[in-house]
PDB file of N, CA and C in Angstrom:
ATOM      1  N   MET A   1       0.847  -1.186   0.000  1.00  0.00           N
ATOM      2  CA  MET A   1       0.000   0.000   0.000  1.00  0.00           C
ATOM      3  C   MET A   1       0.887   1.242   0.000  1.00  0.00           C
ATOM      4  N   THR A   2       0.637   2.152  -0.901  1.00  0.00           N
ATOM      5  CA  THR A   2       1.392   3.390  -0.989  1.00  0.00           C
ATOM      6  C   THR A   2       0.699   4.472  -0.164  1.00  0.00           C
ATOM      7  N   VAL A   3       1.460   5.114   0.699  1.00  0.00           N
ATOM      8  CA  VAL A   3       0.920   6.206   1.497  1.00  0.00           C
ATOM      9  C   VAL A   3       1.367   7.517   0.867  1.00  0.00           C
ATOM     10  N   VAL A   4       0.411   8.339   0.528  1.00  0.00           N
ATOM     11  CA  VAL A   4       0.710   9.642  -0.061  1.00  0.00           C
ATOM     12  C   VAL A   4       0.567  10.678   1.033  1.00  0.00           C
ATOM     13  N   SER A   5       1.640  11.396   1.290  1.00  0.00           N
ATOM     14  CA  SER A   5       1.575  12.411   2.337  1.00  0.00           C
ATOM     15  C   SER A   5       1.099  13.734   1.758  1.00  0.00           C
ATOM     16  N   ASN A   6       0.685  14.586   2.651  1.00  0.00           N
ATOM     17  CA  ASN A   6       0.264  15.920   2.238  1.00  0.00           C
ATOM     18  C   ASN A   6       1.475  16.704   1.755  1.00  0.00           C
ATOM     19  N   ARG A   7       1.204  17.732   0.978  1.00  0.00           N
ATOM     20  CA  ARG A   7       2.262  18.615   0.480  1.00  0.00           C
ATOM     21  C   ARG A   7       2.004  20.017   1.001  1.00  0.00           C
ATOM     22  N   PHE A   8       3.066  20.817   1.009  1.00  0.00           N
ATOM     23  CA  PHE A   8       3.009  22.142   1.607  1.00  0.00           C
ATOM     24  C   PHE A   8       3.605  23.156   0.638  1.00  0.00           C
ATOM     25  N   TYR A   9       2.946  24.326   0.554  1.00  0.00           N
ATOM     26  CA  TYR A   9       3.373  25.341  -0.397  1.00  0.00           C
ATOM     27  C   TYR A   9       3.354  26.722   0.248  1.00  0.00           C
ATOM     28  N   ARG A  10       4.232  27.583  -0.249  1.00  0.00           N
ATOM     29  CA  ARG A  10       4.290  28.999   0.136  1.00  0.00           C
ATOM     30  C   ARG A  10       4.304  29.790  -1.164  1.00  0.00           C
ATOM     31  N   ARG A  11       3.297  30.658  -1.328  1.00  0.00           N
ATOM     32  CA  ARG A  11       3.221  31.405  -2.587  1.00  0.00           C
ATOM     33  C   ARG A  11       2.912  32.870  -2.322  1.00  0.00           C
ATOM     34  N   PRO A  12       3.809  33.767  -2.761  1.00  0.00           N
ATOM     35  CA  PRO A  12       3.525  35.199  -2.622  1.00  0.00           C
ATOM     36  C   PRO A  12       2.570  35.669  -3.709  1.00  0.00           C
ATOM     37  N   TRP A  13       1.708  36.627  -3.334  1.00  0.00           N
ATOM     38  CA  TRP A  13       0.838  37.293  -4.293  1.00  0.00           C
ATOM     39  C   TRP A  13       1.196  38.765  -4.295  1.00  0.00           C
ATOM     40  N   ASP A  14       1.519  39.281  -5.462  1.00  0.00           N
ATOM     41  CA  ASP A  14       1.931  40.680  -5.594  1.00  0.00           C
ATOM     42  C   ASP A  14       0.758  41.570  -5.981  1.00  0.00           C
ATOM     43  N   GLU A  15      -0.420  41.188  -5.576  1.00  0.00           N
ATOM     44  CA  GLU A  15      -1.622  41.978  -5.810  1.00  0.00           C
ATOM     45  C   GLU A  15      -2.341  42.123  -4.476  1.00  0.00           C
ATOM     46  N   THR A  16      -3.123  43.173  -4.341  1.00  0.00           N
ATOM     47  CA  THR A  16      -3.950  43.302  -3.150  1.00  0.00           C
ATOM     48  C   THR A  16      -5.204  42.455  -3.334  1.00  0.00           C
ATOM     49  N   ARG A  17      -5.992  42.401  -2.301  1.00  0.00           N
ATOM     50  CA  ARG A  17      -7.230  41.623  -2.344  1.00  0.00           C
ATOM     51  C   ARG A  17      -8.225  42.186  -3.345  1.00  0.00           C
ATOM     52  N   GLY A  18      -8.173  43.503  -3.590  1.00  0.00           N
ATOM     53  CA  GLY A  18      -9.111  44.113  -4.521  1.00  0.00           C
ATOM     54  C   GLY A  18     -10.494  44.329  -3.921  1.00  0.00           C
ATOM     55  N   ASP A  19     -10.594  44.275  -2.600  1.00  0.00           N
ATOM     56  CA  ASP A  19     -11.872  44.497  -1.934  1.00  0.00           C
ATOM     57  C   ASP A  19     -11.703  45.561  -0.854  1.00  0.00           C
ATOM     58  N   GLU A  20     -12.624  45.633   0.070  1.00  0.00           N
ATOM     59  CA  GLU A  20     -12.542  46.664   1.102  1.00  0.00           C
ATOM     60  C   GLU A  20     -11.344  46.487   2.038  1.00  0.00           C
ATOM     61  N   PHE A  21     -10.660  45.353   1.944  1.00  0.00           N
ATOM     62  CA  PHE A  21      -9.470  45.096   2.753  1.00  0.00           C
ATOM     63  C   PHE A  21      -8.182  45.222   1.942  1.00  0.00           C
ATOM     64  N   ALA A  22      -8.243  45.859   0.805  1.00  0.00           N
ATOM     65  CA  ALA A  22      -7.079  46.017  -0.083  1.00  0.00           C
ATOM     66  C   ALA A  22      -5.928  46.738   0.603  1.00  0.00           C
ATOM     67  N   ASP A  23      -6.242  47.564   1.610  1.00  0.00           N
ATOM     68  CA  ASP A  23      -5.166  48.275   2.303  1.00  0.00           C
ATOM     69  C   ASP A  23      -4.312  47.355   3.177  1.00  0.00           C
ATOM     70  N   TRP A  24      -4.659  46.102   3.270  1.00  0.00           N
ATOM     71  CA  TRP A  24      -3.802  45.129   3.961  1.00  0.00           C
ATOM     72  C   TRP A  24      -2.525  44.886   3.163  1.00  0.00           C
ATOM     73  N   GLY A  25      -2.534  45.214   1.872  1.00  0.00           N
ATOM     74  CA  GLY A  25      -1.354  45.072   1.030  1.00  0.00           C
ATOM     75  C   GLY A  25      -1.251  43.717   0.355  1.00  0.00           C
ATOM     76  N   HIS A  26      -0.045  43.405  -0.078  1.00  0.00           N
ATOM     77  CA  HIS A  26       0.225  42.120  -0.725  1.00  0.00           C
ATOM     78  C   HIS A  26       0.235  41.031   0.337  1.00  0.00           C
ATOM     79  N   SER A  27       0.332  39.788  -0.111  1.00  0.00           N
ATOM     80  CA  SER A  27       0.249  38.685   0.844  1.00  0.00           C
ATOM     81  C   SER A  27       1.116  37.510   0.425  1.00  0.00           C
ATOM     82  N   VAL A  28       1.344  36.648   1.391  1.00  0.00           N
ATOM     83  CA  VAL A  28       1.982  35.353   1.152  1.00  0.00           C
ATOM     84  C   VAL A  28       1.008  34.307   1.669  1.00  0.00           C
ATOM     85  N   TRP A  29       0.722  33.339   0.842  1.00  0.00           N
ATOM     86  CA  TRP A  29      -0.231  32.294   1.205  1.00  0.00           C
ATOM     87  C   TRP A  29       0.525  30.983   1.412  1.00  0.00           C
ATOM     88  N   TYR A  30       0.127  30.273   2.448  1.00  0.00           N
ATOM     89  CA  TYR A  30       0.692  28.969   2.783  1.00  0.00           C
ATOM     90  C   TYR A  30      -0.435  27.946   2.710  1.00  0.00           C
ATOM     91  N   PHE A  31      -0.157  26.818   2.103  1.00  0.00           N
ATOM     92  CA  PHE A  31      -1.170  25.775   1.956  1.00  0.00           C
ATOM     93  C   PHE A  31      -0.629  24.424   2.418  1.00  0.00           C
ATOM     94  N   GLU A  32      -1.496  23.664   3.055  1.00  0.00           N
ATOM     95  CA  GLU A  32      -1.310  22.222   3.200  1.00  0.00           C
ATOM     96  C   GLU A  32      -2.382  21.599   2.336  1.00  0.00           C
ATOM     97  N   VAL A  33      -1.990  20.738   1.407  1.00  0.00           N
ATOM     98  CA  VAL A  33      -2.964  20.116   0.510  1.00  0.00           C
ATOM     99  C   VAL A  33      -2.826  18.604   0.569  1.00  0.00           C
ATOM    100  N   GLY A  34      -3.928  17.917   0.289  1.00  0.00           N
ATOM    101  CA  GLY A  34      -3.923  16.475   0.182  1.00  0.00           C
ATOM    102  C   GLY A  34      -3.394  16.047  -1.177  1.00  0.00           C
ATOM    103  N   ALA A  35      -3.383  14.755  -1.415  1.00  0.00           N
ATOM    104  CA  ALA A  35      -2.859  14.212  -2.671  1.00  0.00           C
ATOM    105  C   ALA A  35      -3.608  14.756  -3.884  1.00  0.00           C
ATOM    106  N   ASP A  36      -4.862  15.151  -3.697  1.00  0.00           N
ATOM    107  CA  ASP A  36      -5.670  15.666  -4.794  1.00  0.00           C
ATOM    108  C   ASP A  36      -5.480  17.170  -5.013  1.00  0.00           C
ATOM    109  N   GLY A  37      -4.659  17.819  -4.161  1.00  0.00           N
ATOM    110  CA  GLY A  37      -4.405  19.246  -4.295  1.00  0.00           C
ATOM    111  C   GLY A  37      -5.405  20.142  -3.588  1.00  0.00           C
ATOM    112  N   TRP A  38      -6.414  19.566  -2.964  1.00  0.00           N
ATOM    113  CA  TRP A  38      -7.407  20.369  -2.252  1.00  0.00           C
ATOM    114  C   TRP A  38      -6.826  20.854  -0.936  1.00  0.00           C
ATOM    115  N   PRO A  39      -6.978  22.144  -0.632  1.00  0.00           N
ATOM    116  CA  PRO A  39      -6.452  22.687   0.621  1.00  0.00           C
ATOM    117  C   PRO A  39      -7.099  22.049   1.852  1.00  0.00           C
ATOM    118  N   LEU A  40      -6.243  21.681   2.789  1.00  0.00           N
ATOM    119  CA  LEU A  40      -6.687  21.168   4.085  1.00  0.00           C
ATOM    120  C   LEU A  40      -6.552  22.250   5.152  1.00  0.00           C
ATOM    121  N   ARG A  41      -5.465  23.006   5.028  1.00  0.00           N
ATOM    122  CA  ARG A  41      -5.226  24.165   5.900  1.00  0.00           C
ATOM    123  C   ARG A  41      -4.582  25.247   5.047  1.00  0.00           C
ATOM    124  N   GLN A  42      -4.813  26.502   5.448  1.00  0.00           N
ATOM    125  CA  GLN A  42      -4.318  27.634   4.659  1.00  0.00           C
ATOM    126  C   GLN A  42      -4.062  28.808   5.598  1.00  0.00           C
ATOM    127  N   VAL A  43      -2.961  29.503   5.347  1.00  0.00           N
ATOM    128  CA  VAL A  43      -2.627  30.713   6.103  1.00  0.00           C
ATOM    129  C   VAL A  43      -2.340  31.816   5.099  1.00  0.00           C
ATOM    130  N   GLU A  44      -2.917  32.998   5.346  1.00  0.00           N
ATOM    131  CA  GLU A  44      -2.672  34.173   4.510  1.00  0.00           C
ATOM    132  C   GLU A  44      -2.014  35.225   5.395  1.00  0.00           C
ATOM    133  N   VAL A  45      -0.806  35.660   5.011  1.00  0.00           N
ATOM    134  CA  VAL A  45      -0.062  36.664   5.785  1.00  0.00           C
ATOM    135  C   VAL A  45       0.040  37.923   4.935  1.00  0.00           C
ATOM    136  N   TYR A  46      -0.550  39.027   5.430  1.00  0.00           N
ATOM    137  CA  TYR A  46      -0.602  40.280   4.678  1.00  0.00           C
ATOM    138  C   TYR A  46       0.463  41.256   5.157  1.00  0.00           C
ATOM    139  N   ASP A  47       0.901  42.136   4.245  1.00  0.00           N
ATOM    140  CA  ASP A  47       1.930  43.129   4.558  1.00  0.00           C
ATOM    141  C   ASP A  47       1.588  43.963   5.785  1.00  0.00           C
ATOM    142  N   ALA A  48       0.326  44.289   5.979  1.00  0.00           N
ATOM    143  CA  ALA A  48      -0.095  45.138   7.087  1.00  0.00           C
ATOM    144  C   ALA A  48      -0.131  44.398   8.424  1.00  0.00           C
ATOM    145  N   GLY A  49       0.191  43.097   8.398  1.00  0.00           N
ATOM    146  CA  GLY A  49       0.255  42.339   9.644  1.00  0.00           C
ATOM    147  C   GLY A  49      -0.909  41.403   9.895  1.00  0.00           C
ATOM    148  N   ARG A  50      -1.977  41.517   9.143  1.00  0.00           N
ATOM    149  CA  ARG A  50      -3.130  40.626   9.321  1.00  0.00           C
ATOM    150  C   ARG A  50      -2.750  39.218   8.907  1.00  0.00           C
ATOM    151  N   VAL A  51      -3.148  38.231   9.710  1.00  0.00           N
ATOM    152  CA  VAL A  51      -2.914  36.822   9.398  1.00  0.00           C
ATOM    153  C   VAL A  51      -4.254  36.109   9.491  1.00  0.00           C
ATOM    154  N   LEU A  52      -4.621  35.410   8.424  1.00  0.00           N
ATOM    155  CA  LEU A  52      -5.861  34.636   8.394  1.00  0.00           C
ATOM    156  C   LEU A  52      -5.512  33.164   8.325  1.00  0.00           C
ATOM    157  N   ARG A  53      -6.215  32.348   9.100  1.00  0.00           N
ATOM    158  CA  ARG A  53      -5.980  30.907   9.107  1.00  0.00           C
ATOM    159  C   ARG A  53      -7.299  30.180   8.879  1.00  0.00           C
ATOM    160  N   TYR A  54      -7.264  29.184   8.007  1.00  0.00           N
ATOM    161  CA  TYR A  54      -8.446  28.384   7.724  1.00  0.00           C
ATOM    162  C   TYR A  54      -8.062  26.912   7.739  1.00  0.00           C
ATOM    163  N   GLY A  55      -8.956  26.093   8.255  1.00  0.00           N
ATOM    164  CA  GLY A  55      -8.724  24.660   8.309  1.00  0.00           C
ATOM    165  C   GLY A  55     -10.011  23.948   8.667  1.00  0.00           C
ATOM    166  N   PRO A  56      -9.903  22.693   9.090  1.00  0.00           N
ATOM    167  CA  PRO A  56     -11.103  21.886   9.343  1.00  0.00           C
ATOM    168  C   PRO A  56     -12.054  22.467  10.390  1.00  0.00           C
ATOM    169  N   THR A  57     -11.522  23.160  11.393  1.00  0.00           N
ATOM    170  CA  THR A  57     -12.384  23.685  12.450  1.00  0.00           C
ATOM    171  C   THR A  57     -12.759  25.153  12.242  1.00  0.00           C
ATOM    172  N   HIS A  58     -12.192  25.797  11.236  1.00  0.00           N
ATOM    173  CA  HIS A  58     -12.499  27.204  10.923  1.00  0.00           C
ATOM    174  C   HIS A  58     -12.348  27.376   9.415  1.00  0.00           C
ATOM    175  N   GLN A  59     -13.424  27.074   8.697  1.00  0.00           N
ATOM    176  CA  GLN A  59     -13.330  27.042   7.237  1.00  0.00           C
ATOM    177  C   GLN A  59     -13.601  28.371   6.561  1.00  0.00           C
ATOM    178  N   GLU A  60     -14.285  29.295   7.260  1.00  0.00           N
ATOM    179  CA  GLU A  60     -14.533  30.598   6.647  1.00  0.00           C
ATOM    180  C   GLU A  60     -14.912  31.614   7.710  1.00  0.00           C
ATOM    181  N   ASP A  61     -14.790  32.877   7.318  1.00  0.00           N
ATOM    182  CA  ASP A  61     -15.209  33.984   8.165  1.00  0.00           C
ATOM    183  C   ASP A  61     -15.537  35.162   7.254  1.00  0.00           C
ATOM    184  N   CYS A  62     -15.695  36.338   7.819  1.00  0.00           N
ATOM    185  CA  CYS A  62     -16.101  37.493   7.012  1.00  0.00           C
ATOM    186  C   CYS A  62     -14.995  37.981   6.071  1.00  0.00           C
ATOM    187  N   TYR A  63     -13.772  37.472   6.198  1.00  0.00           N
ATOM    188  CA  TYR A  63     -12.654  37.892   5.354  1.00  0.00           C
ATOM    189  C   TYR A  63     -12.389  36.935   4.193  1.00  0.00           C
ATOM    190  N   GLY A  64     -12.850  35.706   4.310  1.00  0.00           N
ATOM    191  CA  GLY A  64     -12.587  34.721   3.264  1.00  0.00           C
ATOM    192  C   GLY A  64     -12.777  33.314   3.789  1.00  0.00           C
ATOM    193  N   GLY A  65     -12.053  32.375   3.190  1.00  0.00           N
ATOM    194  CA  GLY A  65     -12.202  30.997   3.621  1.00  0.00           C
ATOM    195  C   GLY A  65     -11.198  30.072   2.972  1.00  0.00           C
ATOM    196  N   LEU A  66     -11.256  28.850   3.417  1.00  0.00           N
ATOM    197  CA  LEU A  66     -10.403  27.791   2.893  1.00  0.00           C
ATOM    198  C   LEU A  66     -10.695  27.599   1.406  1.00  0.00           C
ATOM    199  N   GLY A  67      -9.641  27.446   0.618  1.00  0.00           N
ATOM    200  CA  GLY A  67      -9.804  27.266  -0.822  1.00  0.00           C
ATOM    201  C   GLY A  67     -10.783  26.161  -1.157  1.00  0.00           C
ATOM    202  N   GLU A  68     -11.592  26.395  -2.189  1.00  0.00           N
ATOM    203  CA  GLU A  68     -12.643  25.455  -2.572  1.00  0.00           C
ATOM    204  C   GLU A  68     -12.380  24.801  -3.919  1.00  0.00           C
ATOM    205  N   ALA A  69     -11.107  24.627  -4.247  1.00  0.00           N
ATOM    206  CA  ALA A  69     -10.728  23.962  -5.494  1.00  0.00           C
ATOM    207  C   ALA A  69      -9.328  23.385  -5.329  1.00  0.00           C
ATOM    208  N   SER A  70      -9.023  22.412  -6.117  1.00  0.00           N
ATOM    209  CA  SER A  70      -7.691  21.824  -6.101  1.00  0.00           C
ATOM    210  C   SER A  70      -6.680  22.813  -6.680  1.00  0.00           C
ATOM    211  N   LEU A  71      -5.568  23.013  -5.981  1.00  0.00           N
ATOM    212  CA  LEU A  71      -4.509  23.869  -6.518  1.00  0.00           C
ATOM    213  C   LEU A  71      -4.004  23.314  -7.843  1.00  0.00           C
ATOM    214  N   TYR A  72      -4.041  22.005  -7.978  1.00  0.00           N
ATOM    215  CA  TYR A  72      -3.503  21.363  -9.171  1.00  0.00           C
ATOM    216  C   TYR A  72      -4.380  21.577 -10.402  1.00  0.00           C
ATOM    217  N   ASP A  73      -5.622  22.021 -10.209  1.00  0.00           N
ATOM    218  CA  ASP A  73      -6.510  22.302 -11.334  1.00  0.00           C
ATOM    219  C   ASP A  73      -6.339  23.722 -11.868  1.00  0.00           C
ATOM    220  N   SER A  74      -5.502  24.524 -11.202  1.00  0.00           N
ATOM    221  CA  SER A  74      -5.369  25.935 -11.569  1.00  0.00           C
ATOM    222  C   SER A  74      -4.555  26.144 -12.848  1.00  0.00           C
ATOM    223  N   GLY A  75      -3.826  25.127 -13.267  1.00  0.00           N
ATOM    224  CA  GLY A  75      -2.960  25.275 -14.427  1.00  0.00           C
ATOM    225  C   GLY A  75      -1.597  25.832 -14.069  1.00  0.00           C
ATOM    226  N   ASP A  76      -1.420  26.231 -12.808  1.00  0.00           N
ATOM    227  CA  ASP A  76      -0.134  26.742 -12.339  1.00  0.00           C
ATOM    228  C   ASP A  76       0.786  25.586 -11.959  1.00  0.00           C
ATOM    229  N   GLU A  77       2.068  25.814 -12.084  1.00  0.00           N
ATOM    230  CA  GLU A  77       3.073  24.846 -11.648  1.00  0.00           C
ATOM    231  C   GLU A  77       3.403  25.157 -10.193  1.00  0.00           C
ATOM    232  N   TRP A  78       3.083  24.251  -9.292  1.00  0.00           N
ATOM    233  CA  TRP A  78       3.257  24.493  -7.864  1.00  0.00           C
ATOM    234  C   TRP A  78       4.592  23.993  -7.320  1.00  0.00           C
ATOM    235  N   SER A  79       5.340  23.213  -8.068  1.00  0.00           N
ATOM    236  CA  SER A  79       6.580  22.625  -7.540  1.00  0.00           C
ATOM    237  C   SER A  79       7.584  23.686  -7.097  1.00  0.00           C
ATOM    238  N   ASN A  80       7.589  24.839  -7.748  1.00  0.00           N
ATOM    239  CA  ASN A  80       8.521  25.911  -7.365  1.00  0.00           C
ATOM    240  C   ASN A  80       8.174  26.555  -6.036  1.00  0.00           C
ATOM    241  N   PHE A  81       6.987  26.281  -5.520  1.00  0.00           N
ATOM    242  CA  PHE A  81       6.515  26.905  -4.280  1.00  0.00           C
ATOM    243  C   PHE A  81       6.483  25.923  -3.110  1.00  0.00           C
ATOM    244  N   GLU A  82       6.957  24.706  -3.332  1.00  0.00           N
ATOM    245  CA  GLU A  82       6.875  23.693  -2.272  1.00  0.00           C
ATOM    246  C   GLU A  82       7.819  24.019  -1.114  1.00  0.00           C
ATOM    247  N   ILE A  83       7.330  23.802   0.108  1.00  0.00           N
ATOM    248  CA  ILE A  83       8.104  24.026   1.330  1.00  0.00           C
ATOM    249  C   ILE A  83       8.002  22.780   2.196  1.00  0.00           C
ATOM    250  N   THR A  84       8.710  22.785   3.300  1.00  0.00           N
ATOM    251  CA  THR A  84       8.659  21.657   4.212  1.00  0.00           C
ATOM    252  C   THR A  84       7.446  21.762   5.137  1.00  0.00           C
ATOM    253  N   GLU A  85       7.073  20.647   5.681  1.00  0.00           N
ATOM    254  CA  GLU A  85       5.984  20.632   6.659  1.00  0.00           C
ATOM    255  C   GLU A  85       6.332  21.502   7.867  1.00  0.00           C
ATOM    256  N   SER A  86       7.585  21.460   8.304  1.00  0.00           N
ATOM    257  CA  SER A  86       7.967  22.247   9.481  1.00  0.00           C
ATOM    258  C   SER A  86       7.853  23.752   9.211  1.00  0.00           C
ATOM    259  N   GLU A  87       8.165  24.213   7.981  1.00  0.00           N
ATOM    260  CA  GLU A  87       7.991  25.633   7.657  1.00  0.00           C
ATOM    261  C   GLU A  87       6.520  26.014   7.722  1.00  0.00           C
ATOM    262  N   PHE A  88       5.663  25.169   7.184  1.00  0.00           N
ATOM    263  CA  PHE A  88       4.231  25.445   7.252  1.00  0.00           C
ATOM    264  C   PHE A  88       3.767  25.492   8.707  1.00  0.00           C
ATOM    265  N   GLU A  89       4.178  24.515   9.502  1.00  0.00           N
ATOM    266  CA  GLU A  89       3.736  24.447  10.897  1.00  0.00           C
ATOM    267  C   GLU A  89       4.194  25.669  11.696  1.00  0.00           C
ATOM    268  N   ARG A  90       5.371  26.187  11.404  1.00  0.00           N
ATOM    269  CA  ARG A  90       5.845  27.398  12.081  1.00  0.00           C
ATOM    270  C   ARG A  90       4.886  28.567  11.852  1.00  0.00           C
ATOM    271  N   VAL A  91       4.412  28.709  10.614  1.00  0.00           N
ATOM    272  CA  VAL A  91       3.485  29.794  10.300  1.00  0.00           C
ATOM    273  C   VAL A  91       2.104  29.488  10.893  1.00  0.00           C
ATOM    274  N   TRP A  92       1.666  28.269  10.785  1.00  0.00           N
ATOM    275  CA  TRP A  92       0.349  27.861  11.308  1.00  0.00           C
ATOM    276  C   TRP A  92       0.277  28.096  12.823  1.00  0.00           C
ATOM    277  N   ASP A  93       1.354  27.787  13.516  1.00  0.00           N
ATOM    278  CA  ASP A  93       1.379  27.883  14.983  1.00  0.00           C
ATOM    279  C   ASP A  93       1.879  29.214  15.514  1.00  0.00           C
ATOM    280  N   SER A  94       2.270  30.149  14.610  1.00  0.00           N
ATOM    281  CA  SER A  94       2.810  31.429  15.064  1.00  0.00           C
ATOM    282  C   SER A  94       1.774  32.188  15.896  1.00  0.00           C
ATOM    283  N   ASP A  95       2.222  33.203  16.589  1.00  0.00           N
ATOM    284  CA  ASP A  95       1.329  33.985  17.465  1.00  0.00           C
ATOM    285  C   ASP A  95       0.038  34.314  16.741  1.00  0.00           C
ATOM    286  N   ARG A  96      -1.042  34.088  17.421  1.00  0.00           N
ATOM    287  CA  ARG A  96      -2.365  34.372  16.859  1.00  0.00           C
ATOM    288  C   ARG A  96      -2.924  35.619  17.498  1.00  0.00           C
ATOM    289  N   GLU A  97      -3.686  36.343  16.697  1.00  0.00           N
ATOM    290  CA  GLU A  97      -4.296  37.597  17.193  1.00  0.00           C
ATOM    291  C   GLU A  97      -5.413  37.271  18.142  1.00  0.00           C
TER     292      GLU A  97
END
């Protein structure tokens, strides 16, 4: 039996949100995804200091939510953004507001 582990990614976005929270600035997004590329956990870190976290126990709020599509279906190449599980966990567990 082959066990497929989750994968972890860090991807900067050089655009603002384009909504009423655009003044938060650019962001870096961190993802934990399953073998199918669907996000299991996600962290968004904005230039202005706001950090949003989404996962199984907190899937959405008034600012956004956990991705609702496979990253692998986006047509983007994600291998250049892969990080270690420990890097993701550091951001996931960092000080919370």
